[in-house]
Amino acid sequence: MNEMDSWVAEVTAELGLTDVTVPSKEILDVARDVAHNVLRPGAPVSAYILGLAVAAGADPAEAAAKISALALQRSTSDS
């Protein structure tokens, strides 16, 4: 188990979320895309919005892909 997995396990246990799967890679990809193509403070906010979407029933990978696509569109439209 790497440090990220360990941290996620510790946090989810503390919050009583032991039966959830955390899509760490997708969350980190969204944060990277938003931070690099939109603005840095948008990264954690976008990750939170991703969490809200998943809590409302969205597929994590699909929601993450949509957010990343928006961030990448923003980058190309600013060129």
Protein backbone atom coordinates (compact mmCIF):
# COMPACT_ATOMS: atom_id res chain seq x y z
CA MET A 1 0.00 0.00 0.00
CA ASN A 2 1.46 3.37 -0.99
CA GLU A 3 1.21 6.57 1.02
CA MET A 4 -1.85 7.83 -0.91
CA ASP A 5 -3.72 4.55 -0.40
CA SER A 6 -2.80 4.61 3.26
CA TRP A 7 -4.05 8.19 3.66
CA VAL A 8 -7.31 7.46 1.83
CA ALA A 9 -7.90 4.38 4.00
CA GLU A 10 -7.25 6.40 7.17
CA VAL A 11 -9.55 9.25 6.17
CA THR A 12 -12.39 7.04 4.96
CA ALA A 13 -12.21 4.99 8.17
CA GLU A 14 -12.26 8.16 10.29
CA LEU A 15 -15.35 9.38 8.42
CA GLY A 16 -17.11 6.02 8.56
CA LEU A 17 -16.82 5.50 4.80
CA THR A 18 -15.21 2.08 4.92
CA ASP A 19 -17.47 0.64 2.20
CA VAL A 20 -16.61 3.21 -0.47
CA THR A 21 -14.13 3.05 -3.31
CA VAL A 22 -12.18 6.25 -3.78
CA PRO A 23 -11.14 6.82 -7.42
CA SER A 24 -7.86 8.52 -6.49
CA LYS A 25 -6.41 8.50 -10.01
CA GLU A 26 -9.48 10.17 -11.52
CA ILE A 27 -9.59 12.79 -8.76
CA LEU A 28 -5.90 13.58 -9.21
CA ASP A 29 -6.31 13.78 -12.99
CA VAL A 30 -9.19 16.26 -12.62
CA ALA A 31 -7.19 18.34 -10.14
CA ARG A 32 -4.20 18.41 -12.50
CA ASP A 33 -6.26 19.35 -15.56
CA VAL A 34 -8.10 22.13 -13.77
CA ALA A 35 -4.99 23.48 -12.02
CA HIS A 36 -2.96 23.57 -15.24
CA ASN A 37 -5.66 24.70 -17.67
CA VAL A 38 -8.08 26.84 -15.67
CA LEU A 39 -6.70 28.01 -12.32
CA ARG A 40 -5.02 26.37 -9.35
CA PRO A 41 -7.69 27.18 -6.75
CA GLY A 42 -10.22 25.54 -9.05
CA ALA A 43 -8.58 22.13 -8.54
CA PRO A 44 -9.86 21.33 -5.03
CA VAL A 45 -13.22 22.94 -5.76
CA SER A 46 -13.58 20.83 -8.91
CA ALA A 47 -12.63 17.70 -6.94
CA TYR A 48 -15.37 18.57 -4.45
CA ILE A 49 -17.87 19.05 -7.28
CA LEU A 50 -16.81 15.66 -8.65
CA GLY A 51 -17.60 14.18 -5.24
CA LEU A 52 -21.02 15.83 -5.21
CA ALA A 53 -21.76 14.42 -8.66
CA VAL A 54 -20.73 10.92 -7.60
CA ALA A 55 -22.79 11.20 -4.40
CA ALA A 56 -25.76 12.12 -6.61
CA GLY A 57 -25.25 8.94 -8.63
CA ALA A 58 -22.83 9.89 -11.42
CA ASP A 59 -20.24 7.39 -12.57
CA PRO A 60 -16.89 8.61 -11.17
CA ALA A 61 -14.92 8.00 -14.37
CA GLU A 62 -17.54 9.67 -16.59
CA ALA A 63 -17.92 12.70 -14.31
CA ALA A 64 -14.13 13.07 -14.06
CA ALA A 65 -13.80 12.86 -17.84
CA LYS A 66 -16.42 15.58 -18.29
CA ILE A 67 -14.67 17.93 -15.87
CA SER A 68 -11.28 17.29 -17.44
CA ALA A 69 -12.71 17.86 -20.92
CA LEU A 70 -14.12 21.21 -19.80
CA ALA A 71 -10.76 22.20 -18.35
CA LEU A 72 -8.92 21.16 -21.50
CA GLN A 73 -11.45 23.06 -23.67
CA ARG A 74 -10.83 26.14 -21.57
CA SER A 75 -7.12 25.81 -22.22
CA THR A 76 -7.49 25.48 -25.99
CA SER A 77 -10.03 28.31 -26.23
CA ASP A 78 -7.61 30.66 -24.42
CA SER A 79 -4.94 30.07 -27.09
